[in-house]
């Protein structure tokens, strides 16, 4: 019975990491949107020039935005790695519990 509780705990942890990865991706997309511009004539999204970004955000604001993107990407990568490890561990324990029957 303890193995099934452990598998259930791993499943909950896996859902938490999955949600964290989704939130990180959403924050990154929202943080990158001000850096781009849409032009239907030129064919879609383009990154704004650096001088326009400095004028729009200032140097400090731009560095804060890049810092937010980098930190969020690192948190997302760490959560993705933990999700991968937890999913492998859960699958291993589920396989062992199934083979013991």
N, C-alpha and C. Protein backbone atom coordinates (compact mmCIF):
# COMPACT_ATOMS: atom_id res chain seq x y z
N UNK A 1 0.82 -1.20 0.00
CA UNK A 1 0.00 0.00 0.00
C UNK A 1 0.86 1.27 0.00
N UNK A 2 2.03 1.20 0.62
CA UNK A 2 2.90 2.37 0.68
C UNK A 2 3.40 2.77 -0.70
N UNK A 3 3.62 1.78 -1.55
CA UNK A 3 4.12 2.07 -2.91
C UNK A 3 3.06 2.84 -3.71
N UNK A 4 1.79 2.53 -3.48
CA UNK A 4 0.72 3.24 -4.21
C UNK A 4 0.59 4.68 -3.71
N UNK A 5 0.81 4.89 -2.42
CA UNK A 5 0.79 6.26 -1.89
C UNK A 5 1.97 7.06 -2.44
N UNK A 6 3.12 6.41 -2.57
CA UNK A 6 4.29 7.08 -3.12
C UNK A 6 4.07 7.44 -4.59
N UNK A 7 3.46 6.52 -5.33
CA UNK A 7 3.16 6.80 -6.75
C UNK A 7 2.17 7.97 -6.85
N UNK A 8 1.19 8.01 -5.96
CA UNK A 8 0.22 9.11 -5.96
C UNK A 8 0.91 10.44 -5.62
N UNK A 9 1.85 10.39 -4.68
CA UNK A 9 2.61 11.59 -4.32
C UNK A 9 3.46 12.07 -5.50
N UNK A 10 4.07 11.12 -6.22
CA UNK A 10 4.85 11.49 -7.40
C UNK A 10 3.97 12.08 -8.49
N UNK A 11 2.76 11.57 -8.64
CA UNK A 11 1.83 12.10 -9.64
C UNK A 11 1.45 13.54 -9.32
N UNK A 12 1.22 13.82 -8.03
CA UNK A 12 0.89 15.20 -7.62
C UNK A 12 2.08 16.13 -7.87
N UNK A 13 3.27 15.65 -7.56
CA UNK A 13 4.48 16.45 -7.78
C UNK A 13 4.67 16.70 -9.27
N UNK A 14 4.37 15.70 -10.08
CA UNK A 14 4.50 15.83 -11.53
C UNK A 14 3.53 16.89 -12.06
N UNK A 15 2.32 16.92 -11.53
CA UNK A 15 1.34 17.93 -11.94
C UNK A 15 1.79 19.33 -11.54
N UNK A 16 2.41 19.45 -10.36
CA UNK A 16 2.93 20.74 -9.91
C UNK A 16 4.03 21.25 -10.83
N UNK A 17 4.98 20.38 -11.18
CA UNK A 17 6.06 20.79 -12.07
C UNK A 17 5.54 21.13 -13.46
N UNK A 18 4.57 20.40 -13.93
CA UNK A 18 3.98 20.68 -15.24
C UNK A 18 3.32 22.06 -15.25
N UNK A 19 2.61 22.38 -14.19
CA UNK A 19 1.95 23.69 -14.11
C UNK A 19 2.99 24.80 -14.03
N UNK A 20 4.08 24.55 -13.29
CA UNK A 20 5.13 25.56 -13.18
C UNK A 20 5.79 25.82 -14.53
N UNK A 21 6.02 24.77 -15.31
CA UNK A 21 6.61 24.93 -16.64
C UNK A 21 5.67 25.74 -17.54
N UNK A 22 4.38 25.44 -17.46
CA UNK A 22 3.41 26.19 -18.26
C UNK A 22 3.39 27.67 -17.89
N UNK A 23 3.43 27.96 -16.59
CA UNK A 23 3.44 29.36 -16.16
C UNK A 23 4.70 30.08 -16.61
N UNK A 24 5.83 29.40 -16.55
CA UNK A 24 7.09 30.02 -17.00
C UNK A 24 7.03 30.33 -18.49
N UNK A 25 6.50 29.41 -19.27
CA UNK A 25 6.36 29.67 -20.71
C UNK A 25 5.44 30.86 -20.98
N UNK A 26 4.36 30.95 -20.23
CA UNK A 26 3.44 32.07 -20.40
C UNK A 26 4.10 33.39 -20.05
N UNK A 27 4.85 33.43 -18.94
CA UNK A 27 5.54 34.66 -18.55
C UNK A 27 6.58 35.06 -19.59
N UNK A 28 7.30 34.08 -20.13
CA UNK A 28 8.30 34.39 -21.16
C UNK A 28 7.64 34.97 -22.40
N UNK A 29 6.54 34.37 -22.82
CA UNK A 29 5.85 34.88 -24.02
C UNK A 29 5.34 36.30 -23.76
N UNK A 30 4.79 36.54 -22.58
CA UNK A 30 4.30 37.89 -22.27
C UNK A 30 5.43 38.90 -22.14
N UNK A 31 6.61 38.45 -21.68
CA UNK A 31 7.75 39.35 -21.56
C UNK A 31 8.39 39.66 -22.91
N UNK A 32 8.27 38.73 -23.85
CA UNK A 32 8.88 38.92 -25.17
C UNK A 32 7.99 39.76 -26.08
N UNK A 33 6.69 39.78 -25.82
CA UNK A 33 5.78 40.54 -26.69
C UNK A 33 6.14 42.01 -26.86
N UNK A 34 6.54 42.75 -25.80
CA UNK A 34 6.91 44.16 -26.03
C UNK A 34 8.17 44.34 -26.86
N UNK A 35 8.96 43.27 -27.00
CA UNK A 35 10.19 43.38 -27.79
C UNK A 35 9.95 43.19 -29.28
N UNK A 36 8.73 42.80 -29.63
CA UNK A 36 8.43 42.52 -31.04
C UNK A 36 7.40 43.52 -31.56
N UNK A 37 7.31 43.57 -32.85
CA UNK A 37 6.31 44.40 -33.51
C UNK A 37 5.69 43.58 -34.63
N UNK A 38 4.43 43.83 -34.90
CA UNK A 38 3.73 43.09 -35.96
C UNK A 38 3.54 44.00 -37.16
N UNK A 39 3.92 43.48 -38.31
CA UNK A 39 3.74 44.23 -39.54
C UNK A 39 3.14 43.29 -40.58
N UNK A 40 1.93 43.60 -41.00
CA UNK A 40 1.27 42.72 -41.98
C UNK A 40 1.92 42.86 -43.35
N UNK A 41 2.43 44.04 -43.66
CA UNK A 41 3.08 44.25 -44.95
C UNK A 41 4.41 43.53 -45.06
N UNK A 42 5.16 43.47 -43.96
CA UNK A 42 6.48 42.83 -43.96
C UNK A 42 6.39 41.34 -43.68
N UNK A 43 5.22 40.87 -43.31
CA UNK A 43 5.06 39.43 -43.16
C UNK A 43 5.17 38.89 -41.76
N UNK A 44 4.63 39.57 -40.76
CA UNK A 44 4.56 38.97 -39.43
C UNK A 44 5.31 39.73 -38.35
N UNK A 45 5.75 38.97 -37.35
CA UNK A 45 6.42 39.54 -36.19
C UNK A 45 7.90 39.78 -36.47
N UNK A 46 8.39 40.89 -35.96
CA UNK A 46 9.81 41.22 -36.09
C UNK A 46 10.28 41.79 -34.75
N UNK A 47 11.54 41.58 -34.45
CA UNK A 47 12.13 42.15 -33.23
C UNK A 47 12.42 43.62 -33.49
N UNK A 48 12.06 44.45 -32.53
CA UNK A 48 12.31 45.88 -32.67
C UNK A 48 13.82 46.13 -32.61
N UNK A 49 14.25 47.23 -33.20
CA UNK A 49 15.67 47.58 -33.15
C UNK A 49 16.06 47.97 -31.73
N UNK A 50 17.33 47.83 -31.42
CA UNK A 50 17.81 48.09 -30.07
C UNK A 50 17.60 49.54 -29.66
N UNK A 51 17.79 50.47 -30.59
CA UNK A 51 17.60 51.89 -30.25
C UNK A 51 16.14 52.18 -29.91
N UNK A 52 15.21 51.54 -30.59
CA UNK A 52 13.79 51.72 -30.28
C UNK A 52 13.48 51.15 -28.91
N UNK A 53 14.06 49.99 -28.59
CA UNK A 53 13.83 49.37 -27.29
C UNK A 53 14.39 50.23 -26.15
N UNK A 54 15.58 50.81 -26.36
CA UNK A 54 16.18 51.67 -25.33
C UNK A 54 15.32 52.92 -25.14
N UNK A 55 14.83 53.48 -26.24
CA UNK A 55 13.98 54.65 -26.15
C UNK A 55 12.66 54.31 -25.45
N UNK A 56 12.13 53.13 -25.72
CA UNK A 56 10.83 52.74 -25.17
C UNK A 56 10.93 52.36 -23.69
N UNK A 57 11.94 51.59 -23.31
CA UNK A 57 12.04 51.08 -21.94
C UNK A 57 13.11 51.77 -21.10
N UNK A 58 14.09 52.37 -21.73
CA UNK A 58 15.25 52.87 -21.01
C UNK A 58 16.23 51.72 -20.79
N UNK A 59 17.46 52.05 -20.46
CA UNK A 59 18.47 51.00 -20.30
C UNK A 59 18.17 50.11 -19.10
N UNK A 60 17.73 50.72 -18.00
CA UNK A 60 17.45 49.95 -16.79
C UNK A 60 16.23 49.05 -17.00
N UNK A 61 15.19 49.59 -17.60
CA UNK A 61 13.99 48.80 -17.85
C UNK A 61 14.26 47.64 -18.79
N UNK A 62 15.08 47.88 -19.80
CA UNK A 62 15.42 46.82 -20.75
C UNK A 62 16.23 45.73 -20.07
N UNK A 63 17.18 46.13 -19.23
CA UNK A 63 17.97 45.12 -18.53
C UNK A 63 17.11 44.35 -17.54
N UNK A 64 16.15 45.01 -16.91
CA UNK A 64 15.23 44.31 -16.00
C UNK A 64 14.36 43.32 -16.77
N UNK A 65 13.91 43.70 -17.95
CA UNK A 65 13.09 42.80 -18.77
C UNK A 65 13.89 41.57 -19.21
N UNK A 66 15.13 41.80 -19.65
CA UNK A 66 15.99 40.66 -20.04
C UNK A 66 16.30 39.77 -18.83
N UNK A 67 16.51 40.38 -17.66
CA UNK A 67 16.75 39.61 -16.45
C UNK A 67 15.54 38.75 -16.10
N UNK A 68 14.35 39.32 -16.23
CA UNK A 68 13.12 38.56 -15.98
C UNK A 68 13.02 37.37 -16.92
N UNK A 69 13.31 37.59 -18.19
CA UNK A 69 13.23 36.51 -19.17
C UNK A 69 14.24 35.41 -18.84
N UNK A 70 15.46 35.80 -18.49
CA UNK A 70 16.51 34.80 -18.20
C UNK A 70 16.18 34.01 -16.93
N UNK A 71 15.77 34.69 -15.87
CA UNK A 71 15.44 33.99 -14.62
C UNK A 71 14.25 33.07 -14.82
N UNK A 72 13.23 33.54 -15.53
CA UNK A 72 12.06 32.70 -15.78
C UNK A 72 12.43 31.49 -16.62
N UNK A 73 13.31 31.67 -17.59
CA UNK A 73 13.75 30.54 -18.41
C UNK A 73 14.52 29.52 -17.56
N UNK A 74 15.35 30.00 -16.64
CA UNK A 74 16.10 29.08 -15.77
C UNK A 74 15.17 28.32 -14.83
N UNK A 75 14.18 29.01 -14.26
CA UNK A 75 13.21 28.34 -13.40
C UNK A 75 12.41 27.31 -14.20
N UNK A 76 12.03 27.68 -15.42
CA UNK A 76 11.30 26.75 -16.28
C UNK A 76 12.12 25.53 -16.65
N UNK A 77 13.39 25.73 -16.96
CA UNK A 77 14.26 24.60 -17.29
C UNK A 77 14.47 23.69 -16.09
N UNK A 78 14.64 24.28 -14.92
CA UNK A 78 14.81 23.47 -13.70
C UNK A 78 13.54 22.67 -13.43
N UNK A 79 12.37 23.28 -13.58
CA UNK A 79 11.11 22.57 -13.36
C UNK A 79 10.91 21.50 -14.41
N UNK A 80 11.31 21.77 -15.64
CA UNK A 80 11.20 20.76 -16.70
C UNK A 80 12.10 19.57 -16.40
N UNK A 81 13.29 19.81 -15.89
CA UNK A 81 14.20 18.72 -15.52
C UNK A 81 13.61 17.91 -14.37
N UNK A 82 13.04 18.60 -13.36
CA UNK A 82 12.42 17.89 -12.24
C UNK A 82 11.20 17.10 -12.71
N UNK A 83 10.45 17.66 -13.65
CA UNK A 83 9.30 16.95 -14.21
C UNK A 83 9.75 15.68 -14.90
N UNK A 84 10.83 15.77 -15.66
CA UNK A 84 11.37 14.61 -16.36
C UNK A 84 11.81 13.53 -15.37
N UNK A 85 12.55 13.93 -14.33
CA UNK A 85 13.03 12.97 -13.33
C UNK A 85 11.87 12.33 -12.56
N UNK A 86 10.87 13.13 -12.20
CA UNK A 86 9.73 12.62 -11.46
C UNK A 86 8.91 11.67 -12.31
N UNK A 87 8.74 11.98 -13.58
CA UNK A 87 7.97 11.10 -14.47
C UNK A 87 8.69 9.77 -14.66
N UNK A 88 10.01 9.82 -14.78
CA UNK A 88 10.77 8.57 -14.90
C UNK A 88 10.67 7.73 -13.63
N UNK A 89 10.78 8.39 -12.48
CA UNK A 89 10.69 7.69 -11.21
C UNK A 89 9.31 7.08 -11.00
N UNK A 90 8.27 7.84 -11.35
CA UNK A 90 6.90 7.33 -11.22
C UNK A 90 6.68 6.14 -12.14
N UNK A 91 7.16 6.24 -13.37
CA UNK A 91 7.00 5.13 -14.31
C UNK A 91 7.74 3.88 -13.82
N UNK A 92 8.91 4.07 -13.25
CA UNK A 92 9.68 2.94 -12.74
C UNK A 92 8.94 2.26 -11.59
N UNK A 93 8.41 3.06 -10.66
CA UNK A 93 7.69 2.48 -9.53
C UNK A 93 6.37 1.87 -9.95
N UNK A 94 5.69 2.48 -10.93
CA UNK A 94 4.46 1.87 -11.44
C UNK A 94 4.76 0.53 -12.10
N UNK A 95 5.84 0.46 -12.85
CA UNK A 95 6.22 -0.79 -13.49
C UNK A 95 6.56 -1.85 -12.46
N UNK A 96 7.30 -1.47 -11.41
CA UNK A 96 7.64 -2.42 -10.36
C UNK A 96 6.40 -2.89 -9.60
N UNK A 97 5.47 -1.97 -9.32
CA UNK A 97 4.24 -2.35 -8.63
C UNK A 97 3.39 -3.27 -9.51
N UNK A 98 3.40 -3.02 -10.82
CA UNK A 98 2.62 -3.86 -11.73
C UNK A 98 3.27 -5.24 -11.85
N UNK A 99 4.58 -5.31 -11.88
CA UNK A 99 5.26 -6.60 -12.06
C UNK A 99 5.22 -7.43 -10.79
N UNK A 100 4.98 -6.81 -9.63
CA UNK A 100 4.90 -7.57 -8.38
C UNK A 100 3.55 -8.26 -8.21
N UNK A 101 2.56 -7.89 -8.98
CA UNK A 101 1.22 -8.52 -8.86
C UNK A 101 1.23 -9.94 -9.31
